[in-house]
N, C-alpha and C. Protein backbone atom coordinates (compact mmCIF):
# COMPACT_ATOMS: atom_id res chain seq x y z
N UNK A 1 0.86 -1.15 -0.05
CA UNK A 1 0.05 -0.02 -0.02
C UNK A 1 0.95 1.25 -0.03
N UNK A 2 0.44 2.26 -0.66
CA UNK A 2 1.07 3.56 -0.82
C UNK A 2 1.03 4.25 0.67
N UNK A 3 2.15 4.78 1.08
CA UNK A 3 2.10 5.39 2.44
C UNK A 3 1.11 6.60 2.49
N UNK A 4 0.84 7.27 1.32
CA UNK A 4 -0.07 8.37 1.33
C UNK A 4 -1.50 7.81 1.50
N UNK A 5 -1.77 6.73 0.89
CA UNK A 5 -3.16 6.10 1.05
C UNK A 5 -3.25 5.57 2.48
N UNK A 6 -2.13 5.12 3.07
CA UNK A 6 -2.16 4.57 4.43
C UNK A 6 -2.56 5.64 5.49
N UNK A 7 -1.98 6.78 5.30
CA UNK A 7 -2.25 7.83 6.28
C UNK A 7 -3.53 8.63 5.93
N UNK A 8 -4.22 8.27 4.88
CA UNK A 8 -5.50 8.95 4.57
C UNK A 8 -6.59 8.60 5.60
N UNK A 9 -6.45 7.39 6.13
CA UNK A 9 -7.39 6.99 7.14
C UNK A 9 -7.17 7.55 8.54
N UNK A 10 -8.14 8.15 9.23
CA UNK A 10 -7.90 8.71 10.51
C UNK A 10 -7.48 7.64 11.60
N UNK A 11 -8.03 6.46 11.49
CA UNK A 11 -7.71 5.41 12.48
C UNK A 11 -6.27 5.06 12.32
N UNK A 12 -5.78 4.95 11.13
CA UNK A 12 -4.39 4.60 10.95
C UNK A 12 -3.44 5.69 11.44
N UNK A 13 -3.88 6.94 11.19
CA UNK A 13 -3.04 8.05 11.65
C UNK A 13 -2.94 8.06 13.22
N UNK A 14 -4.08 7.71 13.91
CA UNK A 14 -4.05 7.59 15.35
C UNK A 14 -3.20 6.45 15.75
N UNK A 15 -3.17 5.39 15.10
CA UNK A 15 -2.38 4.22 15.37
C UNK A 15 -0.82 4.59 15.22
N UNK A 16 -0.54 5.37 14.20
CA UNK A 16 0.79 5.87 14.07
C UNK A 16 1.17 6.72 15.24
N UNK A 17 0.32 7.54 15.71
CA UNK A 17 0.58 8.44 16.88
C UNK A 17 0.76 7.58 18.14
N UNK A 18 0.07 6.55 18.23
CA UNK A 18 0.16 5.67 19.39
C UNK A 18 1.56 4.87 19.39
N UNK A 19 1.97 4.56 18.14
CA UNK A 19 3.19 3.80 17.99
C UNK A 19 4.38 4.78 18.19
N UNK A 20 4.15 6.04 18.15
CA UNK A 20 5.26 6.98 18.32
C UNK A 20 5.83 6.82 19.78
N UNK A 21 4.97 6.43 20.70
CA UNK A 21 5.38 6.29 22.08
C UNK A 21 6.28 4.99 22.31
N UNK A 22 6.22 4.12 21.36
CA UNK A 22 6.93 2.90 21.44
C UNK A 22 6.28 1.62 20.89
N UNK A 23 6.85 0.51 20.81
CA UNK A 23 6.21 -0.67 20.25
C UNK A 23 5.05 -1.07 21.16
N UNK A 24 4.01 -1.60 20.55
CA UNK A 24 2.79 -1.93 21.25
C UNK A 24 2.12 -3.19 20.69
N UNK A 25 1.36 -3.94 21.50
CA UNK A 25 0.71 -5.08 21.13
C UNK A 25 -0.69 -4.63 20.49
N UNK A 26 -1.25 -5.54 19.75
CA UNK A 26 -2.54 -5.27 19.13
C UNK A 26 -3.53 -5.04 20.22
N UNK A 27 -3.56 -5.86 21.19
CA UNK A 27 -4.49 -5.81 22.34
C UNK A 27 -4.45 -4.46 22.98
N UNK A 28 -3.30 -4.03 23.22
CA UNK A 28 -3.12 -2.61 23.83
C UNK A 28 -3.67 -1.49 22.95
N UNK A 29 -3.39 -1.66 21.71
CA UNK A 29 -3.79 -0.60 20.73
C UNK A 29 -5.33 -0.65 20.60
N UNK A 30 -5.92 -1.79 20.72
CA UNK A 30 -7.38 -1.86 20.46
C UNK A 30 -8.13 -1.49 21.77
N UNK A 31 -7.43 -1.60 22.94
CA UNK A 31 -8.16 -1.27 24.15
C UNK A 31 -8.50 0.13 24.25
N UNK A 32 -7.81 1.06 23.68
CA UNK A 32 -8.09 2.42 23.80
C UNK A 32 -8.97 2.96 22.55
N UNK A 33 -9.49 2.08 21.84
CA UNK A 33 -10.29 2.47 20.69
C UNK A 33 -11.71 1.87 20.73
N UNK A 34 -12.55 2.44 20.02
CA UNK A 34 -13.92 1.93 19.96
C UNK A 34 -14.21 0.89 18.80
N UNK A 35 -13.10 0.50 18.09
CA UNK A 35 -13.20 -0.48 17.09
C UNK A 35 -12.67 -1.80 17.51
N UNK A 36 -13.11 -2.89 16.91
CA UNK A 36 -12.66 -4.18 17.31
C UNK A 36 -11.21 -4.48 17.11
N UNK A 37 -10.67 -5.48 17.84
CA UNK A 37 -9.29 -5.83 17.69
C UNK A 37 -8.99 -6.33 16.28
N UNK A 38 -9.90 -7.11 15.64
CA UNK A 38 -9.62 -7.52 14.24
C UNK A 38 -9.45 -6.27 13.28
N UNK A 39 -10.28 -5.30 13.53
CA UNK A 39 -10.21 -4.08 12.68
C UNK A 39 -8.89 -3.33 12.91
N UNK A 40 -8.43 -3.33 14.24
CA UNK A 40 -7.18 -2.70 14.53
C UNK A 40 -6.09 -3.46 13.85
N UNK A 41 -6.14 -4.82 13.87
CA UNK A 41 -5.14 -5.68 13.22
C UNK A 41 -5.11 -5.39 11.72
N UNK A 42 -6.23 -5.21 11.13
CA UNK A 42 -6.22 -4.90 9.63
C UNK A 42 -5.57 -3.58 9.32
N UNK A 43 -5.87 -2.58 10.21
CA UNK A 43 -5.16 -1.31 9.92
C UNK A 43 -3.70 -1.38 10.17
N UNK A 44 -3.27 -2.12 11.22
CA UNK A 44 -1.88 -2.24 11.43
C UNK A 44 -1.17 -3.07 10.22
N UNK A 45 -1.84 -4.02 9.72
CA UNK A 45 -1.30 -4.80 8.57
C UNK A 45 -1.16 -3.88 7.42
N UNK A 46 -2.02 -2.98 7.18
CA UNK A 46 -1.88 -1.99 6.02
C UNK A 46 -0.73 -1.07 6.35
N UNK A 47 -0.53 -0.67 7.55
CA UNK A 47 0.58 0.24 7.93
C UNK A 47 1.90 -0.48 7.66
N UNK A 48 2.02 -1.79 7.94
CA UNK A 48 3.14 -2.51 7.67
C UNK A 48 3.39 -2.69 6.15
N UNK A 49 2.37 -2.90 5.47
CA UNK A 49 2.49 -2.97 3.93
C UNK A 49 2.89 -1.63 3.40
N UNK A 50 2.53 -0.57 3.96
CA UNK A 50 2.94 0.75 3.47
C UNK A 50 4.36 1.20 3.92
N UNK A 51 4.89 0.27 4.78
CA UNK A 51 6.31 0.59 5.23
C UNK A 51 6.40 1.65 6.30
N UNK A 52 5.18 1.90 6.95
CA UNK A 52 5.18 2.86 8.05
C UNK A 52 5.28 2.24 9.39
N UNK A 53 5.14 0.93 9.51
CA UNK A 53 5.30 0.25 10.75
C UNK A 53 5.92 -1.09 10.52
N UNK A 54 6.51 -1.66 11.61
CA UNK A 54 7.16 -3.00 11.55
C UNK A 54 6.37 -3.88 12.58
N UNK A 55 6.44 -5.17 12.30
CA UNK A 55 5.87 -6.12 13.22
C UNK A 55 6.87 -7.18 13.69
N UNK A 56 6.77 -7.53 14.90
CA UNK A 56 7.67 -8.61 15.37
C UNK A 56 6.87 -9.58 16.17
N UNK A 57 7.00 -10.84 15.87
CA UNK A 57 6.34 -11.90 16.65
C UNK A 57 7.13 -12.24 17.85
N UNK A 58 6.46 -12.08 19.01
CA UNK A 58 7.07 -12.59 20.30
C UNK A 58 6.19 -13.58 20.97
N UNK A 59 6.47 -14.85 20.71
CA UNK A 59 5.58 -15.91 21.17
C UNK A 59 4.30 -15.78 20.45
N UNK A 60 3.20 -15.74 21.24
CA UNK A 60 1.88 -15.64 20.55
C UNK A 60 1.41 -14.19 20.31
N UNK A 61 2.26 -13.22 20.64
CA UNK A 61 1.91 -11.88 20.54
C UNK A 61 2.61 -11.17 19.31
N UNK A 62 1.95 -10.16 18.80
CA UNK A 62 2.63 -9.48 17.75
C UNK A 62 2.82 -8.04 18.20
N UNK A 63 4.07 -7.55 18.18
CA UNK A 63 4.39 -6.13 18.59
C UNK A 63 4.61 -5.31 17.40
N UNK A 64 3.92 -4.22 17.31
CA UNK A 64 4.07 -3.29 16.22
C UNK A 64 4.83 -2.11 16.65
N UNK A 65 5.65 -1.52 15.72
CA UNK A 65 6.46 -0.33 16.04
C UNK A 65 6.47 0.53 14.85
N UNK A 66 6.63 1.87 15.09
CA UNK A 66 6.77 2.83 14.05
C UNK A 66 8.08 2.63 13.24
N UNK A 67 7.98 2.73 11.89
CA UNK A 67 9.17 2.70 11.07
C UNK A 67 9.37 4.06 10.51
N UNK A 68 10.31 4.83 11.13
CA UNK A 68 10.56 6.20 10.68
C UNK A 68 11.05 6.29 9.24
N UNK A 69 11.76 5.24 8.75
CA UNK A 69 12.16 5.32 7.36
C UNK A 69 11.01 5.31 6.42
N UNK A 70 9.93 4.75 6.73
CA UNK A 70 8.68 4.73 5.92
C UNK A 70 8.06 6.14 5.77
N UNK A 71 8.44 6.95 6.71
CA UNK A 71 7.76 8.34 6.71
C UNK A 71 8.51 9.27 5.66
N UNK A 72 9.62 8.83 5.09
CA UNK A 72 10.36 9.71 4.24
C UNK A 72 9.66 10.25 3.06
N UNK A 73 8.86 9.45 2.38
CA UNK A 73 8.06 10.02 1.18
C UNK A 73 7.16 11.08 1.66
N UNK A 74 6.52 10.85 2.85
CA UNK A 74 5.57 11.86 3.40
C UNK A 74 6.31 13.13 3.71
N UNK A 75 7.41 12.95 4.39
CA UNK A 75 8.24 14.17 4.74
C UNK A 75 8.77 14.89 3.56
N UNK A 76 9.12 14.14 2.53
CA UNK A 76 9.58 14.73 1.26
C UNK A 76 8.55 15.56 0.62
N UNK A 77 7.28 15.09 0.58
CA UNK A 77 6.28 15.93 -0.02
C UNK A 77 6.03 17.15 0.83
N UNK A 78 6.01 17.05 2.16
CA UNK A 78 5.80 18.24 3.01
C UNK A 78 6.91 19.22 2.77
N UNK A 79 8.13 18.72 2.67
CA UNK A 79 9.26 19.65 2.40
C UNK A 79 9.12 20.33 1.09
N UNK A 80 8.68 19.61 0.00
CA UNK A 80 8.47 20.17 -1.29
C UNK A 80 7.35 21.28 -1.24
N UNK A 81 6.37 21.10 -0.44
CA UNK A 81 5.24 22.04 -0.41
C UNK A 81 5.54 23.24 0.42
N UNK A 82 6.55 23.22 1.21
CA UNK A 82 6.90 24.30 2.07
C UNK A 82 7.49 25.53 1.20
N UNK A 83 6.87 26.71 1.40
CA UNK A 83 7.40 27.76 0.54
C UNK A 83 8.88 28.05 0.85
N UNK A 84 9.62 28.45 -0.11
CA UNK A 84 11.05 28.69 0.08
C UNK A 84 11.21 30.07 0.96
N UNK A 85 12.27 30.09 1.68
CA UNK A 85 12.50 31.36 2.47
C UNK A 85 12.62 32.52 1.61
N UNK A 86 12.17 33.72 2.00
CA UNK A 86 12.23 34.90 1.11
C UNK A 86 13.71 35.32 0.89
N UNK A 87 14.56 35.03 1.82
CA UNK A 87 15.96 35.42 1.77
C UNK A 87 16.78 34.26 2.27
N UNK A 88 17.77 33.94 1.55
CA UNK A 88 18.65 32.82 2.02
C UNK A 88 19.40 33.29 3.30
N UNK A 89 19.19 32.49 4.33
CA UNK A 89 19.78 32.70 5.61
C UNK A 89 21.36 32.87 5.54
N UNK A 90 21.99 32.18 4.63
CA UNK A 90 23.40 32.24 4.51
C UNK A 90 23.85 33.63 4.07
N UNK A 91 23.01 34.34 3.30
CA UNK A 91 23.33 35.68 2.94
C UNK A 91 23.30 36.65 4.01
N UNK A 92 22.39 36.41 4.94
CA UNK A 92 22.35 37.20 6.19
C UNK A 92 23.59 36.99 7.00
N UNK A 93 24.06 35.77 7.09
CA UNK A 93 25.27 35.51 7.82
C UNK A 93 26.39 36.32 7.25
N UNK A 94 26.48 36.42 5.91
CA UNK A 94 27.57 37.02 5.24
C UNK A 94 27.54 38.60 5.54
N UNK A 95 26.29 39.13 5.61
CA UNK A 95 26.12 40.47 5.92
C UNK A 95 26.46 40.84 7.29
N UNK A 96 26.13 39.88 8.17
CA UNK A 96 26.59 40.08 9.62
C UNK A 96 28.06 40.25 9.65
N UNK A 97 28.77 39.38 8.97
CA UNK A 97 30.28 39.48 9.01
C UNK A 97 30.74 40.70 8.39
N UNK A 98 30.09 41.14 7.23
CA UNK A 98 30.49 42.37 6.57
C UNK A 98 30.24 43.57 7.48
N UNK A 99 29.14 43.60 8.16
CA UNK A 99 28.79 44.69 9.02
C UNK A 99 29.80 44.80 10.21
N UNK A 100 30.20 43.69 10.70
CA UNK A 100 31.14 43.72 11.80
C UNK A 100 32.51 44.15 11.30
N UNK A 101 32.91 43.80 10.15
CA UNK A 101 34.21 44.26 9.57
C UNK A 101 34.21 45.70 9.27
N UNK A 102 33.06 46.24 8.79
CA UNK A 102 32.97 47.75 8.48
C UNK A 102 33.06 48.48 9.80
N UNK A 103 32.31 48.01 10.84
CA UNK A 103 32.34 48.68 12.13
C UNK A 103 33.86 48.65 12.73
N UNK A 104 34.46 47.50 12.59
CA UNK A 104 35.78 47.40 13.12
C UNK A 104 36.75 48.33 12.37
N UNK A 105 36.61 48.38 11.03
CA UNK A 105 37.52 49.28 10.21
C UNK A 105 37.25 50.73 10.61
N UNK A 106 35.99 51.21 10.75
CA UNK A 106 35.71 52.56 11.07
C UNK A 106 36.28 52.90 12.45
N UNK A 107 36.13 52.02 13.42
CA UNK A 107 36.68 52.21 14.73
C UNK A 107 38.23 52.28 14.74
N UNK A 108 38.88 51.47 13.94
CA UNK A 108 40.27 51.54 13.87
C UNK A 108 40.81 52.86 13.22
N UNK A 109 40.06 53.29 12.11
CA UNK A 109 40.45 54.55 11.50
C UNK A 109 40.21 55.77 12.49
N UNK A 110 39.18 55.73 13.18
CA UNK A 110 38.94 56.83 14.13
C UNK A 110 39.99 56.82 15.17
N UNK A 111 40.45 55.61 15.68
CA UNK A 111 41.54 55.56 16.62
C UNK A 111 42.91 56.03 16.13
N UNK A 112 43.06 55.79 14.90
CA UNK A 112 44.36 56.22 14.26
C UNK A 112 44.42 57.61 13.79
N UNK A 113 43.19 58.27 13.64
CA UNK A 113 43.15 59.57 13.04
C UNK A 113 43.95 60.70 13.72
N UNK A 114 43.90 60.77 15.03
CA UNK A 114 44.72 61.77 15.71
C UNK A 114 46.15 61.55 15.62
N UNK A 115 46.63 60.32 15.58
CA UNK A 115 47.98 59.97 15.46
C UNK A 115 48.46 60.27 13.95
N UNK A 116 47.66 59.96 13.04
CA UNK A 116 47.97 60.17 11.67
C UNK A 116 48.15 61.60 11.31
N UNK A 117 47.29 62.47 11.90
CA UNK A 117 47.33 63.88 11.68
C UNK A 117 48.62 64.48 12.20
N UNK A 118 49.25 63.92 13.21
CA UNK A 118 50.49 64.49 13.76
C UNK A 118 51.67 64.18 12.79
N UNK A 119 51.64 62.99 12.17
CA UNK A 119 52.80 62.49 11.44
C UNK A 119 52.68 62.92 9.95
N UNK A 120 51.51 62.96 9.48
CA UNK A 120 51.33 63.23 7.97
C UNK A 120 50.83 64.69 7.91
N UNK A 121 51.53 65.48 7.14
CA UNK A 121 51.13 66.82 6.89
C UNK A 121 49.88 66.87 5.98
N UNK A 122 49.02 67.84 6.29
CA UNK A 122 47.86 67.99 5.47
C UNK A 122 48.26 68.69 4.15
N UNK A 123 47.97 68.12 2.93
CA UNK A 123 48.40 68.65 1.72
C UNK A 123 47.75 70.00 1.42
N UNK A 124 46.59 70.27 2.01
CA UNK A 124 45.88 71.49 1.78
C UNK A 124 46.25 72.60 2.78
N UNK A 125 47.10 72.29 3.72
CA UNK A 125 47.42 73.22 4.77
C UNK A 125 48.45 74.32 4.13
N UNK A 126 48.18 75.56 4.38
CA UNK A 126 49.03 76.61 3.91
C UNK A 126 50.21 76.81 4.88
N UNK A 127 51.31 77.09 4.24
CA UNK A 127 52.46 77.40 5.12
C UNK A 127 52.91 78.83 4.90
N UNK A 128 53.64 79.32 5.76
CA UNK A 128 54.06 80.74 5.61
C UNK A 128 55.34 80.84 4.95
């Protein structure tokens, strides 16, 4: 089953949310829902077929767990649908560095200005 079809059903989305807390048995997942245990088992089987959950047999019990790797196609679609940032954050980082350098250069020039005027004659200064 396609993972997009699997998450289209609200019961399966709730089962995925329950599995986020950790592996669980069918009986535990069915206990908190108003649907029958066989119905929960069918939904879990579809989640496994879609690659969104894994199942492990432990004796007579089946333990289901969330498979994060199966969520990649869903996350990819959500990432594709997210509008791009208006301005690349890396450019802002560059401007921060440039702003810092300009401020440092202005400060250094101001600090050197009195010293420079004593050693370098002003070319526009008139002499007697």
